[in-house]
Amino acid sequence: MGGPCHAVGMDHPSPSSWTRTRFAERIGLAYPIVQGPFGGGYSTVALAAAVSDGGALGSFGAYTLPPAEIARTVAEIRARTSRPFAVNLWVPLGADREPFPRRAEIARHVAVLAPYYQELGLAPPEVPDVIGERFEDQAAALLEARPPVWSFIFGVPDGALLAEARRRGIVTLGTATTVDEAVALERAGVDAVVASGSDAGGHRGAFLGAVEESIVGTFSLVPQVADAVGVPVIAAGGVADGRGVAAALALGADGVQIGTAFLACDESGASAAHREALAGPGARVTALTRAFTGRPARGIVNRFMRDVRAVEAALAPFPLQGFLTGPLRTAAAARGRAEYLSLWAGQAAALASRRPAADCLRAIVDGTERALGRLASGAP
């Protein structure tokens, strides 16, 4: 641990060498670029395969999938591409394993959402005793399927799982929102750390401290993590084009994870209303909210987010809130009602545009070459 200090404008990668990072060579990538994994139906086999075929690391967010579906998804991606790809799971936080509130408490949480059910003509969902999949079962299925890369968020998997991943030749990527989390991941034996800044879209992955105390911007976080750990660091958050890639590499990153730019691509699972929001002026305004899932996540600000700010303390915890808002989000997507959608997006969302994933990746690579060329030449 304790790498060299990195400074902007010093020892930056050249246009001809930036692709040959430790991370890219470890996995066998043409470009040290990772497509951010999207859970909840936003990931698709087509998107992951297209990004991987282009020489970057395609990813699939599998945290909502049952074990059999994880095995099937890995097989489908492997059938579509011969290149490396990643599958992402969520490590359960302590509170995730606590019993659900009593029925009377659930009723109070439902009452907060009652006006929205009524507006969309929906009945509140019946809450089952268990929501979601058991992480240990998902991890076992993933290990058995042997994707080239296993990425995870919200913590550190059990040491036995990481050891088994190493035995099976699976590269592991853990997500950190602070330096302390990055150090904990390295000590656990992960192969690389994703330094996820507060600029990033979607859920905040803090696991050692409160999210409110883990709000560090990407370009503040990356050099600190690069100095603190010896494993490759992947910058994530607020990067949507080659200029951001060049900046992250100059700060000591070995790779860059890009989410929103790929979420806007033709192959993603984003709804038409979500894509339209990403292409509109509202994409310039994002915020963290617990409104949709009970866990802080960054998205484009809409009516639902604004409405629930005043009652956020009364919202259900994760994963119950996500279950309760699920029917609202499904109906809103079908009807093009963006005001009720979880419009996940990072702070560089306005730089994204709709196009095939291959074109998006090519534009990012070309933009990185241009940005690094300007740095090397001293041109403005």
Protein backbone atom coordinates (compact mmCIF):
# COMPACT_ATOMS: atom_id res chain seq x y z
CA MET A 1 0.00 0.00 0.00
CA GLY A 2 0.99 3.64 -0.12
CA GLY A 3 1.55 4.32 -3.81
CA PRO A 4 3.23 7.41 -5.25
CA CYS A 5 1.59 10.81 -5.15
CA HIS A 6 -0.19 11.76 -8.38
CA ALA A 7 -0.66 15.33 -9.56
CA VAL A 8 -2.62 16.76 -12.46
CA GLY A 9 -0.35 17.59 -15.37
CA MET A 10 2.49 15.36 -14.10
CA ASP A 11 3.38 11.94 -15.46
CA HIS A 12 0.11 11.73 -17.37
CA PRO A 13 -0.36 8.86 -19.83
CA SER A 14 0.43 9.49 -23.46
CA PRO A 15 -2.09 8.97 -26.27
CA SER A 16 -0.21 5.84 -27.32
CA SER A 17 0.14 4.24 -23.87
CA TRP A 18 -3.07 4.93 -21.95
CA THR A 19 -4.69 1.63 -22.92
CA ARG A 20 -1.90 -0.47 -21.38
CA THR A 21 -2.79 -0.18 -17.71
CA ARG A 22 -2.38 -2.88 -15.06
CA PHE A 23 -6.13 -3.33 -14.97
CA ALA A 24 -6.53 -3.70 -18.73
CA GLU A 25 -3.67 -6.16 -18.97
CA ARG A 26 -4.88 -8.18 -15.95
CA ILE A 27 -8.26 -8.82 -17.55
CA GLY A 28 -7.27 -8.72 -21.21
CA LEU A 29 -9.02 -5.52 -22.33
CA ALA A 30 -8.18 -3.38 -25.32
CA TYR A 31 -9.31 -0.32 -23.34
CA PRO A 32 -9.34 0.23 -19.54
CA ILE A 33 -13.02 1.15 -19.60
CA VAL A 34 -15.81 -0.56 -17.64
CA GLN A 35 -19.49 -0.26 -18.46
CA GLY A 36 -21.21 0.43 -15.17
CA PRO A 37 -23.49 -2.41 -14.04
CA PHE A 38 -27.18 -1.53 -13.86
CA GLY A 39 -29.53 -3.55 -11.68
CA GLY A 40 -33.29 -3.73 -11.71
CA GLY A 41 -33.75 -4.44 -15.41
CA TYR A 42 -31.52 -1.68 -16.77
CA SER A 43 -28.77 -4.14 -17.72
CA THR A 44 -29.13 -6.30 -20.81
CA VAL A 45 -27.14 -9.12 -22.33
CA ALA A 46 -26.97 -7.15 -25.57
CA LEU A 47 -25.38 -4.10 -23.91
CA ALA A 48 -22.79 -6.08 -21.95
CA ALA A 49 -21.84 -8.11 -25.03
CA ALA A 50 -21.58 -5.03 -27.27
CA VAL A 51 -19.26 -3.22 -24.85
CA SER A 52 -17.10 -6.31 -24.36
CA ASP A 53 -16.93 -6.93 -28.12
CA GLY A 54 -15.66 -3.36 -28.48
CA GLY A 55 -12.68 -4.12 -26.24
CA ALA A 56 -13.95 -2.70 -22.92
CA LEU A 57 -15.52 -4.55 -19.99
CA GLY A 58 -19.27 -5.03 -20.37
CA SER A 59 -21.18 -5.56 -17.14
CA PHE A 60 -24.52 -6.95 -16.00
CA GLY A 61 -26.17 -5.95 -12.72
CA ALA A 62 -27.64 -9.16 -11.28
CA TYR A 63 -28.62 -8.20 -7.74
CA THR A 64 -32.36 -8.76 -8.37
CA LEU A 65 -31.92 -12.10 -10.15
CA PRO A 66 -32.55 -15.52 -8.59
CA PRO A 67 -29.61 -17.95 -8.75
CA ALA A 68 -30.90 -19.88 -11.77
CA GLU A 69 -31.32 -16.62 -13.70
CA ILE A 70 -27.75 -15.58 -12.86
CA ALA A 71 -26.46 -18.84 -14.32
CA ARG A 72 -28.61 -18.38 -17.41
CA THR A 73 -27.49 -14.76 -17.86
CA VAL A 74 -23.80 -15.63 -17.66
CA ALA A 75 -24.34 -18.35 -20.25
CA GLU A 76 -26.18 -15.94 -22.55
CA ILE A 77 -23.47 -13.28 -22.35
CA ARG A 78 -20.78 -15.91 -22.93
CA ALA A 79 -22.69 -17.07 -26.02
CA ARG A 80 -22.77 -13.49 -27.36
CA THR A 81 -19.13 -12.50 -26.81
CA SER A 82 -15.77 -14.22 -26.46
CA ARG A 83 -14.35 -11.23 -24.56
CA PRO A 84 -14.21 -10.65 -20.78
CA PHE A 85 -17.33 -9.38 -19.00
CA ALA A 86 -18.44 -8.72 -15.42
CA VAL A 87 -21.45 -9.66 -13.30
CA ASN A 88 -22.35 -7.45 -10.34
CA LEU A 89 -23.98 -8.35 -7.02
CA TRP A 90 -24.91 -6.34 -3.93
CA VAL A 91 -23.34 -7.42 -0.65
CA PRO A 92 -26.04 -7.22 2.05
CA LEU A 93 -25.61 -4.52 4.65
CA GLY A 94 -26.46 -5.35 8.26
CA ALA A 95 -29.86 -3.68 8.12
CA ASP A 96 -30.84 -5.68 5.03
CA ARG A 97 -31.02 -8.84 7.14
CA GLU A 98 -33.31 -7.38 9.79
CA PRO A 99 -36.95 -8.57 9.89
CA PHE A 100 -39.55 -6.47 8.16
CA PRO A 101 -41.57 -4.05 10.28
CA ARG A 102 -44.85 -5.23 11.76
CA ARG A 103 -47.89 -5.04 9.49
CA ALA A 104 -49.08 -1.85 11.20
CA GLU A 105 -45.78 -0.18 10.34
CA ILE A 106 -46.00 -1.40 6.75
CA ALA A 107 -49.48 0.13 6.55
CA ARG A 108 -48.05 3.50 7.59
CA HIS A 109 -45.42 3.30 4.86
CA VAL A 110 -48.10 2.37 2.31
CA ALA A 111 -50.20 5.35 3.41
CA VAL A 112 -47.40 7.73 2.42
CA LEU A 113 -47.64 6.39 -1.14
CA ALA A 114 -51.44 6.09 -1.28
CA PRO A 115 -52.02 9.28 -3.33
CA TYR A 116 -49.65 8.01 -6.02
CA TYR A 117 -51.29 4.58 -6.19
CA GLN A 118 -54.63 6.34 -6.58
CA GLU A 119 -53.39 8.69 -9.28
CA LEU A 120 -52.12 5.77 -11.36
CA GLY A 121 -55.15 3.58 -10.59
CA LEU A 122 -53.16 0.96 -8.72
CA ALA A 123 -53.81 -1.11 -5.63
CA PRO A 124 -51.01 -1.22 -3.06
CA PRO A 125 -48.99 -4.43 -3.43
CA GLU A 126 -49.27 -7.28 -0.95
CA VAL A 127 -45.97 -7.41 0.91
CA PRO A 128 -44.47 -10.91 1.15
CA ASP A 129 -42.50 -12.15 4.13
CA VAL A 130 -39.27 -12.04 2.12
CA ILE A 131 -38.24 -9.56 -0.56
CA GLY A 132 -35.36 -10.20 -2.89
CA GLU A 133 -32.84 -12.98 -3.22
CA ARG A 134 -30.42 -14.43 -0.67
CA PHE A 135 -26.92 -13.12 -1.43
CA GLU A 136 -25.18 -16.35 -0.48
CA ASP A 137 -27.28 -18.28 -3.00
CA GLN A 138 -26.63 -15.67 -5.70
CA ALA A 139 -22.88 -15.74 -5.01
CA ALA A 140 -22.81 -19.54 -5.16
CA ALA A 141 -24.56 -19.47 -8.55
CA LEU A 142 -22.17 -16.80 -9.82
CA LEU A 143 -19.10 -18.74 -8.72
CA GLU A 144 -20.45 -21.87 -10.37
CA ALA A 145 -21.09 -19.97 -13.62
CA ARG A 146 -17.55 -18.51 -13.56
CA PRO A 147 -17.91 -15.13 -15.26
CA PRO A 148 -14.49 -13.62 -16.01
CA VAL A 149 -15.09 -10.78 -13.52
CA TRP A 150 -17.22 -10.46 -10.39
CA SER A 151 -17.90 -6.90 -9.27
CA PHE A 152 -19.76 -6.02 -6.10
CA ILE A 153 -20.99 -3.06 -4.09
CA PHE A 154 -22.07 -2.25 -0.50
CA GLY A 155 -19.37 -4.18 1.28
CA VAL A 156 -16.89 -7.03 1.32
CA PRO A 157 -18.04 -10.60 0.63
CA ASP A 158 -17.05 -13.34 3.03
CA GLY A 159 -13.40 -14.32 2.72
CA ALA A 160 -14.32 -17.85 1.67
CA LEU A 161 -16.25 -16.49 -1.32
CA LEU A 162 -13.32 -14.32 -2.41
CA ALA A 163 -10.93 -17.24 -2.00
CA GLU A 164 -13.19 -19.43 -4.12
CA ALA A 165 -13.35 -16.73 -6.78
CA ARG A 166 -9.55 -16.67 -6.91
CA ARG A 167 -9.43 -20.47 -7.11
CA ARG A 168 -11.80 -20.37 -10.07
CA GLY A 169 -9.85 -17.63 -11.84
CA ILE A 170 -12.54 -14.96 -11.40
CA VAL A 171 -11.22 -11.39 -11.10
CA THR A 172 -12.90 -9.43 -8.28
CA LEU A 173 -13.77 -5.71 -8.28
CA GLY A 174 -14.99 -4.14 -5.04
CA THR A 175 -16.62 -0.72 -4.80
CA ALA A 176 -15.45 1.97 -2.36
CA THR A 177 -16.87 5.42 -1.66
CA THR A 178 -14.08 6.41 0.75
CA VAL A 179 -10.38 5.73 1.24
CA ASP A 180 -11.11 3.59 4.31
CA GLU A 181 -13.45 1.39 2.29
CA ALA A 182 -10.82 1.01 -0.44
CA VAL A 183 -8.24 -0.08 2.13
CA ALA A 184 -10.69 -2.60 3.61
CA LEU A 185 -11.34 -4.06 0.16
CA GLU A 186 -7.64 -4.39 -0.59
CA ARG A 187 -7.02 -6.10 2.75
CA ALA A 188 -9.79 -8.56 1.91
CA GLY A 189 -7.93 -9.50 -1.26
CA VAL A 190 -9.89 -7.95 -4.11
CA ASP A 191 -8.06 -7.59 -7.43
CA ALA A 192 -9.10 -3.99 -8.07
CA VAL A 193 -11.06 -1.21 -6.37
CA VAL A 194 -13.76 0.88 -8.01
CA ALA A 195 -13.47 4.36 -6.45
CA SER A 196 -17.06 5.56 -6.75
CA GLY A 197 -17.41 9.31 -6.30
CA SER A 198 -20.58 11.07 -5.23
CA ASP A 199 -20.99 12.24 -8.85
CA ALA A 200 -22.06 8.72 -9.83
CA GLY A 201 -25.61 7.85 -10.78
CA GLY A 202 -27.62 5.20 -9.01
CA HIS A 203 -27.11 3.89 -5.50
CA ARG A 204 -24.32 5.06 -3.22
CA GLY A 205 -22.27 2.09 -2.12
CA ALA A 206 -21.09 3.29 1.30
CA PHE A 207 -20.63 0.46 3.80
CA LEU A 208 -18.26 1.61 6.56
CA GLY A 209 -19.98 4.88 7.41
CA ALA A 210 -23.15 6.83 6.80
CA VAL A 211 -23.79 7.86 3.22
CA GLU A 212 -23.95 11.48 4.38
CA GLU A 213 -20.35 11.15 5.59
CA SER A 214 -19.18 9.41 2.42
CA ILE A 215 -19.98 12.09 -0.15
CA VAL A 216 -16.62 12.54 -1.87
CA GLY A 217 -16.42 13.71 -5.48
CA THR A 218 -14.74 11.39 -7.97
CA PHE A 219 -11.77 13.60 -8.73
CA SER A 220 -11.13 14.15 -5.02
CA LEU A 221 -11.52 10.46 -4.20
CA VAL A 222 -9.45 8.86 -6.98
CA PRO A 223 -5.99 10.28 -6.18
CA GLN A 224 -6.46 9.60 -2.46
CA VAL A 225 -7.42 5.99 -3.12
CA ALA A 226 -4.58 5.59 -5.64
CA ASP A 227 -2.14 6.71 -2.94
CA ALA A 228 -3.68 4.44 -0.29
CA VAL A 229 -3.86 1.07 -2.06
CA GLY A 230 -1.57 -0.96 -4.26
CA VAL A 231 -4.21 -2.69 -6.38
CA PRO A 232 -5.52 -1.05 -9.58
CA VAL A 233 -8.06 1.73 -9.03
CA ILE A 234 -11.06 2.21 -11.33
CA ALA A 235 -12.52 5.73 -11.27
CA ALA A 236 -16.32 5.91 -11.32
CA GLY A 237 -18.76 8.81 -11.25
CA GLY A 238 -19.24 11.90 -13.37
CA VAL A 239 -17.38 10.54 -16.41
CA ALA A 240 -19.25 10.35 -19.69
CA ASP A 241 -16.66 11.10 -22.36
CA GLY A 242 -12.96 10.92 -23.17
CA ARG A 243 -12.11 14.11 -21.31
CA GLY A 244 -13.22 12.50 -18.07
CA VAL A 245 -11.28 9.33 -18.85
CA ALA A 246 -8.11 11.32 -19.48
CA ALA A 247 -8.57 13.27 -16.25
CA ALA A 248 -9.11 10.10 -14.20
CA LEU A 249 -6.02 8.45 -15.66
CA ALA A 250 -3.97 11.57 -14.95
CA LEU A 251 -5.07 11.34 -11.30
CA GLY A 252 -3.76 7.80 -10.94
CA ALA A 253 -6.64 5.60 -12.02
CA ASP A 254 -5.89 2.36 -13.90
CA GLY A 255 -9.30 2.38 -15.52
CA VAL A 256 -12.61 4.22 -15.63
CA GLN A 257 -16.14 2.95 -15.06
CA ILE A 258 -18.81 4.75 -17.08
CA GLY A 259 -22.48 4.28 -16.35
CA THR A 260 -24.91 6.91 -17.60
CA ALA A 261 -23.38 7.25 -21.07
CA PHE A 262 -23.99 3.53 -21.63
CA LEU A 263 -27.41 3.64 -19.95
CA ALA A 264 -28.47 6.04 -22.72
CA CYS A 265 -27.41 3.57 -25.44
CA ASP A 266 -29.82 1.68 -27.67
CA GLU A 267 -29.07 -1.68 -26.08
CA SER A 268 -29.75 -0.72 -22.45
CA GLY A 269 -32.91 -1.61 -20.57
CA ALA A 270 -33.83 2.02 -19.80
CA SER A 271 -37.42 2.93 -20.62
CA ALA A 272 -38.31 5.37 -23.37
CA ALA A 273 -39.24 8.00 -20.77
CA HIS A 274 -35.90 7.52 -19.01
CA ARG A 275 -33.99 7.94 -22.28
CA GLU A 276 -35.99 11.07 -23.06
CA ALA A 277 -35.13 12.50 -19.66
CA LEU A 278 -31.43 11.80 -20.21
CA ALA A 279 -31.62 13.71 -23.50
CA GLY A 280 -33.44 16.70 -22.01
CA PRO A 281 -32.28 19.78 -20.09
CA GLY A 282 -33.44 18.24 -16.82
CA ALA A 283 -30.45 15.86 -16.96
CA ARG A 284 -28.31 18.74 -15.75
CA VAL A 285 -29.99 18.54 -12.32
CA THR A 286 -29.52 15.37 -10.28
CA ALA A 287 -29.79 14.66 -6.57
CA LEU A 288 -29.53 11.89 -4.02
CA THR A 289 -32.85 10.49 -2.84
CA ARG A 290 -34.30 7.64 -0.78
CA ALA A 291 -37.66 8.05 -2.49
CA PHE A 292 -37.58 5.03 -4.75
CA THR A 293 -35.78 2.26 -2.88
CA GLY A 294 -35.21 3.47 0.68
CA ARG A 295 -31.48 3.70 0.01
CA PRO A 296 -29.73 6.89 -1.22
CA ALA A 297 -29.30 6.96 -4.98
CA ARG A 298 -28.61 9.70 -7.52
CA GLY A 299 -31.11 10.45 -10.26
CA ILE A 300 -32.58 13.25 -12.35
CA VAL A 301 -34.83 15.33 -10.10
CA ASN A 302 -38.52 14.83 -10.82
CA ARG A 303 -41.87 15.42 -9.17
CA PHE A 304 -41.85 12.28 -7.02
CA MET A 305 -38.41 13.07 -5.61
CA ARG A 306 -39.49 16.60 -4.74
CA ASP A 307 -42.81 15.47 -3.24
CA VAL A 308 -41.31 13.00 -0.79
CA ARG A 309 -38.54 15.25 0.54
CA ALA A 310 -40.87 16.52 3.24
CA VAL A 311 -41.78 12.98 4.35
CA GLU A 312 -38.51 11.17 3.68
CA ALA A 313 -38.24 10.12 7.33
CA ALA A 314 -41.54 8.27 6.97
CA LEU A 315 -40.43 6.23 3.97
CA ALA A 316 -39.91 2.51 4.33
CA PRO A 317 -36.37 1.14 4.59
CA PHE A 318 -34.61 -0.76 1.83
CA PRO A 319 -35.72 -3.14 0.34
CA LEU A 320 -39.33 -2.56 1.39
CA GLN A 321 -39.51 0.92 -0.17
CA GLY A 322 -38.32 -0.44 -3.48
CA PHE A 323 -41.01 -3.12 -3.37
CA LEU A 324 -43.73 -0.58 -2.53
CA THR A 325 -42.72 1.82 -5.32
CA GLY A 326 -42.20 -0.99 -7.85
CA PRO A 327 -45.79 -0.91 -9.19
CA LEU A 328 -45.62 2.89 -9.48
CA ARG A 329 -42.41 2.73 -11.49
CA THR A 330 -43.64 -0.09 -13.72
CA ALA A 331 -46.88 1.72 -14.53
CA ALA A 332 -45.08 5.00 -15.08
CA ALA A 333 -42.63 3.41 -17.52
CA ALA A 334 -45.49 1.84 -19.50
CA ARG A 335 -47.33 5.17 -19.67
CA GLY A 336 -44.32 7.41 -20.28
CA ARG A 337 -44.79 9.17 -16.93
CA ALA A 338 -41.23 10.24 -16.10
CA GLU A 339 -42.37 12.07 -12.96
CA TYR A 340 -42.72 8.69 -11.19
CA LEU A 341 -39.62 6.98 -12.54
CA SER A 342 -36.30 6.43 -10.84
CA LEU A 343 -34.31 8.31 -13.46
CA TRP A 344 -30.88 7.15 -12.34
CA ALA A 345 -28.15 9.35 -13.76
CA GLY A 346 -24.77 10.74 -12.79
CA GLN A 347 -23.75 14.37 -12.70
CA ALA A 348 -22.34 14.18 -16.24
CA ALA A 349 -25.65 12.88 -17.62
CA ALA A 350 -26.07 15.86 -19.94
CA LEU A 351 -23.02 14.63 -21.89
CA ALA A 352 -24.75 11.34 -22.75
CA SER A 353 -26.54 10.74 -26.04
CA ARG A 354 -28.57 7.93 -27.54
CA ARG A 355 -26.62 5.75 -29.97
CA PRO A 356 -25.43 2.16 -30.31
CA ALA A 357 -23.07 1.06 -27.55
CA ALA A 358 -20.28 0.43 -30.06
CA ASP A 359 -20.51 4.04 -31.24
CA CYS A 360 -20.56 5.30 -27.65
CA LEU A 361 -17.43 3.33 -26.79
CA ARG A 362 -15.67 4.47 -29.95
CA ALA A 363 -16.46 8.10 -29.17
CA ILE A 364 -15.10 7.71 -25.63
CA VAL A 365 -11.89 6.12 -26.90
CA ASP A 366 -11.40 8.76 -29.58
CA GLY A 367 -12.14 11.52 -27.10
CA THR A 368 -9.59 10.12 -24.67
CA GLU A 369 -6.95 10.07 -27.42
CA ARG A 370 -7.70 13.72 -28.26
CA ALA A 371 -7.64 14.84 -24.63
CA LEU A 372 -4.37 13.08 -23.88
CA GLY A 373 -2.92 14.44 -27.12
CA ARG A 374 -3.68 17.97 -25.94
CA LEU A 375 -2.03 17.24 -22.60
CA ALA A 376 1.07 15.81 -24.26
CA SER A 377 1.42 18.72 -26.66
CA GLY A 378 0.61 21.43 -24.13
CA ALA A 379 -2.17 22.70 -26.39
CA PRO A 380 -5.16 24.40 -24.69
